[in-house]
PDB file of N, CA and C in Angstrom:
ATOM      1  N   UNK A   1     -44.527  65.660  25.900  1.00  0.00           N
ATOM      2  CA  UNK A   1     -43.481  64.885  24.990  1.00  0.00           C
ATOM      3  C   UNK A   1     -44.694  64.612  23.812  1.00  0.00           C
ATOM      4  N   UNK A   2     -44.211  64.880  22.601  1.00  0.00           N
ATOM      5  CA  UNK A   2     -45.027  64.486  21.349  1.00  0.00           C
ATOM      6  C   UNK A   2     -45.114  63.011  20.933  1.00  0.00           C
ATOM      7  N   UNK A   3     -45.694  62.798  20.307  1.00  0.00           N
ATOM      8  CA  UNK A   3     -45.703  61.526  19.710  1.00  0.00           C
ATOM      9  C   UNK A   3     -44.561  61.150  18.935  1.00  0.00           C
ATOM     10  N   UNK A   4     -44.006  62.140  18.195  1.00  0.00           N
ATOM     11  CA  UNK A   4     -42.861  61.974  17.343  1.00  0.00           C
ATOM     12  C   UNK A   4     -41.577  61.824  18.200  1.00  0.00           C
ATOM     13  N   UNK A   5     -41.597  62.513  19.328  1.00  0.00           N
ATOM     14  CA  UNK A   5     -40.474  62.237  20.343  1.00  0.00           C
ATOM     15  C   UNK A   5     -40.644  60.833  21.119  1.00  0.00           C
ATOM     16  N   UNK A   6     -41.733  60.220  21.257  1.00  0.00           N
ATOM     17  CA  UNK A   6     -41.604  58.994  21.751  1.00  0.00           C
ATOM     18  C   UNK A   6     -41.459  58.067  20.716  1.00  0.00           C
ATOM     19  N   UNK A   7     -41.778  58.228  19.532  1.00  0.00           N
ATOM     20  CA  UNK A   7     -41.353  57.367  18.353  1.00  0.00           C
ATOM     21  C   UNK A   7     -39.982  57.187  18.115  1.00  0.00           C
ATOM     22  N   UNK A   8     -39.090  58.283  18.407  1.00  0.00           N
ATOM     23  CA  UNK A   8     -37.809  58.289  18.373  1.00  0.00           C
ATOM     24  C   UNK A   8     -37.145  57.438  19.479  1.00  0.00           C
ATOM     25  N   UNK A   9     -37.701  57.586  20.709  1.00  0.00           N
ATOM     26  CA  UNK A   9     -37.292  56.703  21.604  1.00  0.00           C
ATOM     27  C   UNK A   9     -37.534  55.476  21.554  1.00  0.00           C
ATOM     28  N   UNK A  10     -38.591  55.032  20.909  1.00  0.00           N
ATOM     29  CA  UNK A  10     -38.931  53.672  20.775  1.00  0.00           C
ATOM     30  C   UNK A  10     -38.400  53.205  19.459  1.00  0.00           C
ATOM     31  N   UNK A  11     -37.728  53.819  18.689  1.00  0.00           N
ATOM     32  CA  UNK A  11     -37.341  53.308  17.352  1.00  0.00           C
ATOM     33  C   UNK A  11     -38.231  52.865  16.476  1.00  0.00           C
ATOM     34  N   UNK A  12     -39.104  53.824  16.638  1.00  0.00           N
ATOM     35  CA  UNK A  12     -40.464  53.350  15.696  1.00  0.00           C
ATOM     36  C   UNK A  12     -40.929  54.493  14.792  1.00  0.00           C
ATOM     37  N   UNK A  13     -42.220  54.514  14.472  1.00  0.00           N
ATOM     38  CA  UNK A  13     -42.602  55.610  13.661  1.00  0.00           C
ATOM     39  C   UNK A  13     -43.792  56.145  14.300  1.00  0.00           C
ATOM     40  N   UNK A  14     -44.158  57.304  14.230  1.00  0.00           N
ATOM     41  CA  UNK A  14     -45.293  57.986  14.947  1.00  0.00           C
ATOM     42  C   UNK A  14     -46.614  57.197  14.724  1.00  0.00           C
ATOM     43  N   UNK A  15     -46.735  56.623  13.602  1.00  0.00           N
ATOM     44  CA  UNK A  15     -47.931  55.962  13.172  1.00  0.00           C
ATOM     45  C   UNK A  15     -48.127  54.832  13.945  1.00  0.00           C
ATOM     46  N   UNK A  16     -47.154  54.021  14.267  1.00  0.00           N
ATOM     47  CA  UNK A  16     -47.101  52.853  15.200  1.00  0.00           C
ATOM     48  C   UNK A  16     -47.239  53.364  16.550  1.00  0.00           C
ATOM     49  N   UNK A  17     -46.875  54.476  17.003  1.00  0.00           N
ATOM     50  CA  UNK A  17     -47.064  54.858  18.524  1.00  0.00           C
ATOM     51  C   UNK A  17     -48.644  55.223  18.481  1.00  0.00           C
ATOM     52  N   UNK A  18     -49.110  55.821  17.515  1.00  0.00           N
ATOM     53  CA  UNK A  18     -50.612  56.129  17.589  1.00  0.00           C
ATOM     54  C   UNK A  18     -51.499  54.907  17.611  1.00  0.00           C
ATOM     55  N   UNK A  19     -51.063  53.996  16.805  1.00  0.00           N
ATOM     56  CA  UNK A  19     -51.685  52.310  17.006  1.00  0.00           C
ATOM     57  C   UNK A  19     -51.698  52.022  18.391  1.00  0.00           C
ATOM     58  N   UNK A  20     -50.536  52.054  18.889  1.00  0.00           N
ATOM     59  CA  UNK A  20     -50.333  51.519  20.348  1.00  0.00           C
ATOM     60  C   UNK A  20     -51.428  52.298  21.304  1.00  0.00           C
ATOM     61  N   UNK A  21     -51.451  53.454  21.219  1.00  0.00           N
ATOM     62  CA  UNK A  21     -52.350  54.374  22.093  1.00  0.00           C
ATOM     63  C   UNK A  21     -53.585  54.175  21.833  1.00  0.00           C
ATOM     64  N   UNK A  22     -53.878  53.641  20.677  1.00  0.00           N
ATOM     65  CA  UNK A  22     -55.427  53.438  20.342  1.00  0.00           C
ATOM     66  C   UNK A  22     -55.809  51.851  20.858  1.00  0.00           C
ATOM     67  N   UNK A  23     -55.016  51.225  21.245  1.00  0.00           N
ATOM     68  CA  UNK A  23     -55.362  49.903  21.800  1.00  0.00           C
ATOM     69  C   UNK A  23     -55.806  49.983  23.299  1.00  0.00           C
ATOM     70  N   UNK A  24     -57.062  49.654  23.813  1.00  0.00           N
ATOM     71  CA  UNK A  24     -57.501  49.700  25.189  1.00  0.00           C
ATOM     72  C   UNK A  24     -56.451  48.944  26.046  1.00  0.00           C
ATOM     73  N   UNK A  25     -56.232  49.286  27.134  1.00  0.00           N
ATOM     74  CA  UNK A  25     -55.130  48.676  28.041  1.00  0.00           C
ATOM     75  C   UNK A  25     -55.455  47.259  28.482  1.00  0.00           C
ATOM     76  N   UNK A  26     -56.807  46.894  28.673  1.00  0.00           N
ATOM     77  CA  UNK A  26     -57.086  45.661  28.929  1.00  0.00           C
ATOM     78  C   UNK A  26     -57.090  44.674  27.839  1.00  0.00           C
ATOM     79  N   UNK A  27     -56.754  45.148  26.588  1.00  0.00           N
ATOM     80  CA  UNK A  27     -56.357  44.155  25.591  1.00  0.00           C
ATOM     81  C   UNK A  27     -54.988  43.971  25.035  1.00  0.00           C
ATOM     82  N   UNK A  28     -54.047  44.748  25.864  1.00  0.00           N
ATOM     83  CA  UNK A  28     -52.720  44.698  25.643  1.00  0.00           C
ATOM     84  C   UNK A  28     -52.179  43.389  26.279  1.00  0.00           C
ATOM     85  N   UNK A  29     -51.583  42.654  25.462  1.00  0.00           N
ATOM     86  CA  UNK A  29     -50.992  41.368  26.029  1.00  0.00           C
ATOM     87  C   UNK A  29     -49.934  41.532  26.961  1.00  0.00           C
ATOM     88  N   UNK A  30     -49.817  40.756  27.962  1.00  0.00           N
ATOM     89  CA  UNK A  30     -48.633  40.968  29.164  1.00  0.00           C
ATOM     90  C   UNK A  30     -47.314  40.961  28.336  1.00  0.00           C
ATOM     91  N   UNK A  31     -46.909  39.913  27.701  1.00  0.00           N
ATOM     92  CA  UNK A  31     -45.939  39.520  27.051  1.00  0.00           C
ATOM     93  C   UNK A  31     -45.766  38.824  25.899  1.00  0.00           C
ATOM     94  N   UNK A  32     -45.513  39.371  24.500  1.00  0.00           N
ATOM     95  CA  UNK A  32     -45.538  38.738  23.350  1.00  0.00           C
ATOM     96  C   UNK A  32     -44.633  39.308  22.431  1.00  0.00           C
ATOM     97  N   UNK A  33     -43.584  38.436  21.917  1.00  0.00           N
ATOM     98  CA  UNK A  33     -42.743  38.847  20.928  1.00  0.00           C
ATOM     99  C   UNK A  33     -43.133  39.242  19.764  1.00  0.00           C
ATOM    100  N   UNK A  34     -42.870  40.250  19.120  1.00  0.00           N
ATOM    101  CA  UNK A  34     -43.367  40.577  17.772  1.00  0.00           C
ATOM    102  C   UNK A  34     -42.750  39.771  16.806  1.00  0.00           C
ATOM    103  N   UNK A  35     -43.509  39.757  15.605  1.00  0.00           N
ATOM    104  CA  UNK A  35     -43.224  38.743  14.730  1.00  0.00           C
ATOM    105  C   UNK A  35     -41.533  38.764  14.377  1.00  0.00           C
ATOM    106  N   UNK A  36     -41.090  40.022  13.858  1.00  0.00           N
ATOM    107  CA  UNK A  36     -39.811  40.180  13.519  1.00  0.00           C
ATOM    108  C   UNK A  36     -38.689  39.745  14.660  1.00  0.00           C
ATOM    109  N   UNK A  37     -39.173  39.967  15.962  1.00  0.00           N
ATOM    110  CA  UNK A  37     -38.383  39.487  16.969  1.00  0.00           C
ATOM    111  C   UNK A  37     -38.132  37.913  17.010  1.00  0.00           C
ATOM    112  N   UNK A  38     -39.496  37.365  16.959  1.00  0.00           N
ATOM    113  CA  UNK A  38     -39.406  35.847  16.758  1.00  0.00           C
ATOM    114  C   UNK A  38     -38.604  35.287  15.623  1.00  0.00           C
ATOM    115  N   UNK A  39     -38.736  35.948  14.474  1.00  0.00           N
ATOM    116  CA  UNK A  39     -37.696  35.473  13.320  1.00  0.00           C
ATOM    117  C   UNK A  39     -36.170  35.590  13.610  1.00  0.00           C
ATOM    118  N   UNK A  40     -35.991  36.851  14.355  1.00  0.00           N
ATOM    119  CA  UNK A  40     -34.534  36.869  14.639  1.00  0.00           C
ATOM    120  C   UNK A  40     -34.151  35.923  15.543  1.00  0.00           C
ATOM    121  N   UNK A  41     -34.790  35.653  16.741  1.00  0.00           N
ATOM    122  CA  UNK A  41     -34.526  34.421  17.624  1.00  0.00           C
ATOM    123  C   UNK A  41     -34.404  33.217  16.921  1.00  0.00           C
ATOM    124  N   UNK A  42     -35.175  32.890  16.118  1.00  0.00           N
ATOM    125  CA  UNK A  42     -35.041  31.632  15.159  1.00  0.00           C
ATOM    126  C   UNK A  42     -33.854  31.467  14.455  1.00  0.00           C
ATOM    127  N   UNK A  43     -33.554  32.825  13.884  1.00  0.00           N
ATOM    128  CA  UNK A  43     -32.269  32.903  12.951  1.00  0.00           C
ATOM    129  C   UNK A  43     -31.090  32.716  13.962  1.00  0.00           C
ATOM    130  N   UNK A  44     -31.039  33.437  15.187  1.00  0.00           N
ATOM    131  CA  UNK A  44     -29.776  33.265  15.999  1.00  0.00           C
ATOM    132  C   UNK A  44     -29.715  31.780  16.504  1.00  0.00           C
ATOM    133  N   UNK A  45     -30.676  31.081  16.658  1.00  0.00           N
ATOM    134  CA  UNK A  45     -30.708  29.696  17.207  1.00  0.00           C
ATOM    135  C   UNK A  45     -30.145  28.819  15.921  1.00  0.00           C
ATOM    136  N   UNK A  46     -30.594  29.032  14.760  1.00  0.00           N
ATOM    137  CA  UNK A  46     -30.121  28.340  13.649  1.00  0.00           C
ATOM    138  C   UNK A  46     -28.531  28.568  13.420  1.00  0.00           C
ATOM    139  N   UNK A  47     -28.181  29.881  13.590  1.00  0.00           N
ATOM    140  CA  UNK A  47     -26.948  30.062  13.495  1.00  0.00           C
ATOM    141  C   UNK A  47     -25.882  29.618  14.623  1.00  0.00           C
ATOM    142  N   UNK A  48     -26.489  29.410  15.705  1.00  0.00           N
ATOM    143  CA  UNK A  48     -25.754  28.828  16.784  1.00  0.00           C
ATOM    144  C   UNK A  48     -25.490  27.263  16.692  1.00  0.00           C
ATOM    145  N   UNK A  49     -26.531  26.783  15.905  1.00  0.00           N
ATOM    146  CA  UNK A  49     -26.445  25.414  15.528  1.00  0.00           C
ATOM    147  C   UNK A  49     -25.380  25.203  14.600  1.00  0.00           C
ATOM    148  N   UNK A  50     -25.347  26.076  13.656  1.00  0.00           N
ATOM    149  CA  UNK A  50     -24.301  25.813  12.681  1.00  0.00           C
ATOM    150  C   UNK A  50     -22.957  26.050  13.399  1.00  0.00           C
ATOM    151  N   UNK A  51     -22.694  27.114  14.113  1.00  0.00           N
ATOM    152  CA  UNK A  51     -21.398  27.260  14.742  1.00  0.00           C
ATOM    153  C   UNK A  51     -20.939  26.195  15.683  1.00  0.00           C
ATOM    154  N   UNK A  52     -22.001  25.591  16.474  1.00  0.00           N
ATOM    155  CA  UNK A  52     -21.720  24.458  17.321  1.00  0.00           C
ATOM    156  C   UNK A  52     -21.163  23.286  16.518  1.00  0.00           C
ATOM    157  N   UNK A  53     -21.936  23.016  15.194  1.00  0.00           N
ATOM    158  CA  UNK A  53     -21.488  21.875  14.396  1.00  0.00           C
ATOM    159  C   UNK A  53     -20.094  22.169  13.719  1.00  0.00           C
ATOM    160  N   UNK A  54     -19.777  23.445  13.260  1.00  0.00           N
ATOM    161  CA  UNK A  54     -18.279  23.606  12.870  1.00  0.00           C
ATOM    162  C   UNK A  54     -17.422  23.486  13.918  1.00  0.00           C
ATOM    163  N   UNK A  55     -17.636  23.730  15.177  1.00  0.00           N
ATOM    164  CA  UNK A  55     -16.749  23.602  16.165  1.00  0.00           C
ATOM    165  C   UNK A  55     -16.549  22.295  16.635  1.00  0.00           C
ATOM    166  N   UNK A  56     -17.779  21.347  16.636  1.00  0.00           N
ATOM    167  CA  UNK A  56     -17.588  19.776  16.757  1.00  0.00           C
ATOM    168  C   UNK A  56     -16.948  19.058  15.714  1.00  0.00           C
ATOM    169  N   UNK A  57     -16.918  19.621  14.274  1.00  0.00           N
ATOM    170  CA  UNK A  57     -16.191  18.983  13.201  1.00  0.00           C
ATOM    171  C   UNK A  57     -14.634  19.484  13.357  1.00  0.00           C
ATOM    172  N   UNK A  58     -14.463  20.558  13.868  1.00  0.00           N
ATOM    173  CA  UNK A  58     -13.004  20.980  14.065  1.00  0.00           C
ATOM    174  C   UNK A  58     -12.365  20.070  15.236  1.00  0.00           C
ATOM    175  N   UNK A  59     -13.212  19.929  16.307  1.00  0.00           N
ATOM    176  CA  UNK A  59     -12.618  19.052  17.213  1.00  0.00           C
ATOM    177  C   UNK A  59     -12.206  17.720  16.866  1.00  0.00           C
ATOM    178  N   UNK A  60     -13.065  17.269  16.051  1.00  0.00           N
ATOM    179  CA  UNK A  60     -13.076  15.928  15.318  1.00  0.00           C
ATOM    180  C   UNK A  60     -11.931  15.817  14.716  1.00  0.00           C
ATOM    181  N   UNK A  61     -11.118  16.884  14.157  1.00  0.00           N
ATOM    182  CA  UNK A  61     -10.045  16.897  13.442  1.00  0.00           C
ATOM    183  C   UNK A  61     -10.104  17.199  12.062  1.00  0.00           C
ATOM    184  N   UNK A  62     -11.314  17.535  11.624  1.00  0.00           N
ATOM    185  CA  UNK A  62     -11.537  17.915   9.979  1.00  0.00           C
ATOM    186  C   UNK A  62     -10.843  19.487   9.869  1.00  0.00           C
ATOM    187  N   UNK A  63     -10.015  19.542   8.735  1.00  0.00           N
ATOM    188  CA  UNK A  63      -9.574  20.939   8.268  1.00  0.00           C
ATOM    189  C   UNK A  63     -10.681  21.713   7.935  1.00  0.00           C
ATOM    190  N   UNK A  64     -10.378  23.174   8.071  1.00  0.00           N
ATOM    191  CA  UNK A  64     -11.417  24.060   7.821  1.00  0.00           C
ATOM    192  C   UNK A  64     -11.919  23.928   6.395  1.00  0.00           C
ATOM    193  N   UNK A  65     -11.132  23.836   5.647  1.00  0.00           N
ATOM    194  CA  UNK A  65     -11.467  23.800   4.152  1.00  0.00           C
ATOM    195  C   UNK A  65     -12.599  22.490   3.884  1.00  0.00           C
ATOM    196  N   UNK A  66     -12.248  21.410   4.541  1.00  0.00           N
ATOM    197  CA  UNK A  66     -13.402  20.388   4.589  1.00  0.00           C
ATOM    198  C   UNK A  66     -14.765  20.731   5.182  1.00  0.00           C
ATOM    199  N   UNK A  67     -14.483  21.407   6.391  1.00  0.00           N
ATOM    200  CA  UNK A  67     -15.553  21.818   7.101  1.00  0.00           C
ATOM    201  C   UNK A  67     -16.500  22.878   6.264  1.00  0.00           C
ATOM    202  N   UNK A  68     -15.726  23.569   5.557  1.00  0.00           N
ATOM    203  CA  UNK A  68     -16.330  24.527   4.698  1.00  0.00           C
ATOM    204  C   UNK A  68     -17.206  23.977   3.583  1.00  0.00           C
ATOM    205  N   UNK A  69     -16.577  23.079   3.082  1.00  0.00           N
ATOM    206  CA  UNK A  69     -17.108  22.386   1.967  1.00  0.00           C
ATOM    207  C   UNK A  69     -18.504  21.613   2.460  1.00  0.00           C
ATOM    208  N   UNK A  70     -18.449  20.846   3.563  1.00  0.00           N
ATOM    209  CA  UNK A  70     -19.425  19.913   4.060  1.00  0.00           C
ATOM    210  C   UNK A  70     -20.517  20.921   4.370  1.00  0.00           C
ATOM    211  N   UNK A  71     -20.171  22.093   4.985  1.00  0.00           N
ATOM    212  CA  UNK A  71     -21.407  23.050   5.524  1.00  0.00           C
ATOM    213  C   UNK A  71     -21.877  24.010   4.558  1.00  0.00           C
ATOM    214  N   UNK A  72     -21.269  23.962   3.437  1.00  0.00           N
ATOM    215  CA  UNK A  72     -21.564  24.989   2.215  1.00  0.00           C
ATOM    216  C   UNK A  72     -21.438  26.331   2.636  1.00  0.00           C
ATOM    217  N   UNK A  73     -20.256  26.750   3.315  1.00  0.00           N
ATOM    218  CA  UNK A  73     -20.039  27.992   3.868  1.00  0.00           C
ATOM    219  C   UNK A  73     -18.514  28.224   3.134  1.00  0.00           C
ATOM    220  N   UNK A  74     -17.994  29.442   3.230  1.00  0.00           N
ATOM    221  CA  UNK A  74     -16.769  29.947   2.815  1.00  0.00           C
ATOM    222  C   UNK A  74     -15.820  29.540   3.897  1.00  0.00           C
ATOM    223  N   UNK A  75     -14.621  29.398   3.566  1.00  0.00           N
ATOM    224  CA  UNK A  75     -13.545  29.175   4.550  1.00  0.00           C
ATOM    225  C   UNK A  75     -13.551  30.177   5.633  1.00  0.00           C
ATOM    226  N   UNK A  76     -13.649  31.664   5.149  1.00  0.00           N
ATOM    227  CA  UNK A  76     -13.671  32.621   6.191  1.00  0.00           C
ATOM    228  C   UNK A  76     -14.792  32.490   7.153  1.00  0.00           C
ATOM    229  N   UNK A  77     -15.873  32.105   6.618  1.00  0.00           N
ATOM    230  CA  UNK A  77     -17.039  31.869   7.558  1.00  0.00           C
ATOM    231  C   UNK A  77     -16.761  31.016   8.667  1.00  0.00           C
ATOM    232  N   UNK A  78     -16.096  29.750   8.238  1.00  0.00           N
ATOM    233  CA  UNK A  78     -15.700  28.736   9.207  1.00  0.00           C
ATOM    234  C   UNK A  78     -14.842  29.260  10.229  1.00  0.00           C
ATOM    235  N   UNK A  79     -13.916  30.030   9.748  1.00  0.00           N
ATOM    236  CA  UNK A  79     -12.729  30.573  10.550  1.00  0.00           C
ATOM    237  C   UNK A  79     -13.380  31.482  11.741  1.00  0.00           C
ATOM    238  N   UNK A  80     -14.451  32.253  11.085  1.00  0.00           N
ATOM    239  CA  UNK A  80     -15.076  33.199  12.141  1.00  0.00           C
ATOM    240  C   UNK A  80     -15.851  32.244  13.229  1.00  0.00           C
ATOM    241  N   UNK A  81     -16.374  31.368  12.779  1.00  0.00           N
ATOM    242  CA  UNK A  81     -17.326  30.318  13.631  1.00  0.00           C
ATOM    243  C   UNK A  81     -16.413  29.706  14.587  1.00  0.00           C
ATOM    244  N   UNK A  82     -15.194  29.388  14.309  1.00  0.00           N
ATOM    245  CA  UNK A  82     -14.086  28.776  15.132  1.00  0.00           C
ATOM    246  C   UNK A  82     -13.277  29.727  16.104  1.00  0.00           C
ATOM    247  N   UNK A  83     -13.577  30.923  15.765  1.00  0.00           N
ATOM    248  CA  UNK A  83     -12.986  31.849  16.615  1.00  0.00           C
ATOM    249  C   UNK A  83     -13.747  31.982  18.014  1.00  0.00           C
ATOM    250  N   UNK A  84     -12.904  31.718  19.150  1.00  0.00           N
ATOM    251  CA  UNK A  84     -13.581  31.713  20.552  1.00  0.00           C
ATOM    252  C   UNK A  84     -14.497  32.977  20.799  1.00  0.00           C
ATOM    253  N   UNK A  85     -14.019  34.285  20.305  1.00  0.00           N
ATOM    254  CA  UNK A  85     -14.703  35.323  20.785  1.00  0.00           C
ATOM    255  C   UNK A  85     -15.920  35.753  19.718  1.00  0.00           C
ATOM    256  N   UNK A  86     -16.141  34.541  18.772  1.00  0.00           N
ATOM    257  CA  UNK A  86     -17.402  34.699  17.906  1.00  0.00           C
ATOM    258  C   UNK A  86     -18.694  34.641  18.593  1.00  0.00           C
ATOM    259  N   UNK A  87     -19.607  35.520  18.177  1.00  0.00           N
ATOM    260  CA  UNK A  87     -20.992  35.632  18.846  1.00  0.00           C
ATOM    261  C   UNK A  87     -21.873  35.599  17.812  1.00  0.00           C
ATOM    262  N   UNK A  88     -22.984  34.874  17.888  1.00  0.00           N
ATOM    263  CA  UNK A  88     -23.946  34.792  16.678  1.00  0.00           C
ATOM    264  C   UNK A  88     -24.978  35.943  16.573  1.00  0.00           C
ATOM    265  N   UNK A  89     -24.985  36.792  17.811  1.00  0.00           N
ATOM    266  CA  UNK A  89     -25.643  37.850  17.779  1.00  0.00           C
ATOM    267  C   UNK A  89     -24.836  39.187  17.341  1.00  0.00           C
ATOM    268  N   UNK A  90     -25.459  39.986  16.731  1.00  0.00           N
ATOM    269  CA  UNK A  90     -24.960  41.356  16.111  1.00  0.00           C
ATOM    270  C   UNK A  90     -25.222  42.344  17.211  1.00  0.00           C
ATOM    271  N   UNK A  91     -24.076  42.908  17.637  1.00  0.00           N
ATOM    272  CA  UNK A  91     -24.375  43.922  18.588  1.00  0.00           C
ATOM    273  C   UNK A  91     -25.249  45.155  18.385  1.00  0.00           C
ATOM    274  N   UNK A  92     -25.162  45.413  16.989  1.00  0.00           N
ATOM    275  CA  UNK A  92     -25.951  46.643  16.696  1.00  0.00           C
ATOM    276  C   UNK A  92     -27.292  46.250  16.605  1.00  0.00           C
ATOM    277  N   UNK A  93     -27.938  45.009  16.214  1.00  0.00           N
ATOM    278  CA  UNK A  93     -29.168  44.700  16.411  1.00  0.00           C
ATOM    279  C   UNK A  93     -29.785  44.661  17.964  1.00  0.00           C
ATOM    280  N   UNK A  94     -28.783  43.911  18.675  1.00  0.00           N
ATOM    281  CA  UNK A  94     -29.213  43.870  20.152  1.00  0.00           C
ATOM    282  C   UNK A  94     -29.296  45.186  20.737  1.00  0.00           C
ATOM    283  N   UNK A  95     -28.548  46.228  20.319  1.00  0.00           N
ATOM    284  CA  UNK A  95     -28.625  47.342  21.012  1.00  0.00           C
ATOM    285  C   UNK A  95     -29.717  48.211  20.791  1.00  0.00           C
ATOM    286  N   UNK A  96     -30.706  47.824  20.005  1.00  0.00           N
ATOM    287  CA  UNK A  96     -32.094  48.317  19.857  1.00  0.00           C
ATOM    288  C   UNK A  96     -32.927  47.825  20.846  1.00  0.00           C
ATOM    289  N   UNK A  97     -33.836  48.477  21.412  1.00  0.00           N
ATOM    290  CA  UNK A  97     -34.843  48.069  22.458  1.00  0.00           C
ATOM    291  C   UNK A  97     -35.885  47.464  21.773  1.00  0.00           C
ATOM    292  N   UNK A  98     -36.563  46.563  21.919  1.00  0.00           N
ATOM    293  CA  UNK A  98     -37.810  46.006  21.571  1.00  0.00           C
ATOM    294  C   UNK A  98     -38.831  46.000  22.429  1.00  0.00           C
ATOM    295  N   UNK A  99     -39.720  46.931  21.994  1.00  0.00           N
ATOM    296  CA  UNK A  99     -40.719  47.039  23.115  1.00  0.00           C
ATOM    297  C   UNK A  99     -42.074  46.179  22.634  1.00  0.00           C
ATOM    298  N   UNK A 100     -42.836  45.727  23.613  1.00  0.00           N
ATOM    299  CA  UNK A 100     -44.044  45.055  23.491  1.00  0.00           C
ATOM    300  C   UNK A 100     -44.990  46.206  23.517  1.00  0.00           C
ATOM    301  N   UNK A 101     -46.247  45.761  23.323  1.00  0.00           N
ATOM    302  CA  UNK A 101     -47.232  46.846  23.291  1.00  0.00           C
ATOM    303  C   UNK A 101     -47.490  47.148  24.702  1.00  0.00           C
ATOM    304  N   UNK A 102     -47.380  46.566  25.657  1.00  0.00           N
ATOM    305  CA  UNK A 102     -47.397  46.940  26.980  1.00  0.00           C
ATOM    306  C   UNK A 102     -46.438  48.018  27.481  1.00  0.00           C
ATOM    307  N   UNK A 103     -45.040  47.681  27.141  1.00  0.00           N
ATOM    308  CA  UNK A 103     -43.879  48.592  27.379  1.00  0.00           C
ATOM    309  C   UNK A 103     -44.224  49.927  26.724  1.00  0.00           C
ATOM    310  N   UNK A 104     -44.659  49.939  25.579  1.00  0.00           N
ATOM    311  CA  UNK A 104     -44.670  51.079  24.760  1.00  0.00           C
ATOM    312  C   UNK A 104     -45.823  52.015  25.484  1.00  0.00           C
ATOM    313  N   UNK A 105     -46.878  51.334  25.925  1.00  0.00           N
ATOM    314  CA  UNK A 105     -48.118  52.149  26.357  1.00  0.00           C
ATOM    315  C   UNK A 105     -47.585  52.718  27.907  1.00  0.00           C
ATOM    316  N   UNK A 106     -46.874  51.833  28.683  1.00  0.00           N
ATOM    317  CA  UNK A 106     -46.568  52.219  29.831  1.00  0.00           C
ATOM    318  C   UNK A 106     -45.290  53.505  29.694  1.00  0.00           C
ATOM    319  N   UNK A 107     -44.601  53.263  28.891  1.00  0.00           N
ATOM    320  CA  UNK A 107     -43.480  54.301  28.578  1.00  0.00           C
ATOM    321  C   UNK A 107     -44.238  55.694  28.140  1.00  0.00           C
ATOM    322  N   UNK A 108     -45.435  55.598  27.305  1.00  0.00           N
ATOM    323  CA  UNK A 108     -45.935  56.692  26.915  1.00  0.00           C
ATOM    324  C   UNK A 108     -46.538  57.435  27.968  1.00  0.00           C
ATOM    325  N   UNK A 109     -47.396  56.780  28.703  1.00  0.00           N
ATOM    326  CA  UNK A 109     -48.003  57.147  29.982  1.00  0.00           C
ATOM    327  C   UNK A 109     -46.987  57.982  31.010  1.00  0.00           C
ATOM    328  N   UNK A 110     -45.926  57.200  31.242  1.00  0.00           N
ATOM    329  CA  UNK A 110     -44.915  57.905  32.131  1.00  0.00           C
ATOM    330  C   UNK A 110     -44.396  59.291  31.565  1.00  0.00           C
ATOM    331  N   UNK A 111     -44.087  59.030  30.226  1.00  0.00           N
ATOM    332  CA  UNK A 111     -43.559  60.506  29.487  1.00  0.00           C
ATOM    333  C   UNK A 111     -44.601  61.597  29.413  1.00  0.00           C
ATOM    334  N   UNK A 112     -45.733  61.054  28.899  1.00  0.00           N
ATOM    335  CA  UNK A 112     -46.880  61.915  28.565  1.00  0.00           C
ATOM    336  C   UNK A 112     -47.297  62.738  29.797  1.00  0.00           C
ATOM    337  N   UNK A 113     -47.426  61.691  30.952  1.00  0.00           N
ATOM    338  CA  UNK A 113     -48.307  62.528  32.099  1.00  0.00           C
ATOM    339  C   UNK A 113     -47.260  63.284  33.003  1.00  0.00           C
ATOM    340  N   UNK A 114     -45.890  62.839  32.766  1.00  0.00           N
ATOM    341  CA  UNK A 114     -44.680  63.677  33.359  1.00  0.00           C
ATOM    342  C   UNK A 114     -44.797  65.025  32.967  1.00  0.00           C
ATOM    343  N   UNK A 115     -45.075  65.127  31.701  1.00  0.00           N
ATOM    344  CA  UNK A 115     -45.170  66.788  31.092  1.00  0.00           C
ATOM    345  C   UNK A 115     -46.121  67.316  31.852  1.00  0.00           C
ATOM    346  N   UNK A 116     -47.289  66.773  32.042  1.00  0.00           N
ATOM    347  CA  UNK A 116     -48.549  67.682  32.638  1.00  0.00           C
ATOM    348  C   UNK A 116     -48.679  67.614  34.183  1.00  0.00           C
ATOM    349  N   UNK A 117     -47.904  66.869  34.719  1.00  0.00           N
ATOM    350  CA  UNK A 117     -47.998  67.019  36.358  1.00  0.00           C
ATOM    351  C   UNK A 117     -46.703  67.657  36.992  1.00  0.00           C
TER     352      UNK A 117
END
């Protein structure tokens, strides 16, 4: 399996895969969220707080228009927040696999050495 094929599997670019491979195994952290993943997690938490607040205000009897004004969102956004099926996570984003350096290295070794054994 080539570096390019591994990059496709990892939703990454070949340059990133090469950088992962250059890191000695003893320097790879066991588990560490990448910066972008941490930003996403914080954004999801903030959005969940907003959804919870909108639902609390609705349960307290506030009309949607008033909640929208108070929270500085559109009426449609508040309607979405109040929908019982609403989820703060986007399915497309979560469908991607986020790899730590360790997982990437393990995947590479499994795929690469499987080709030659």
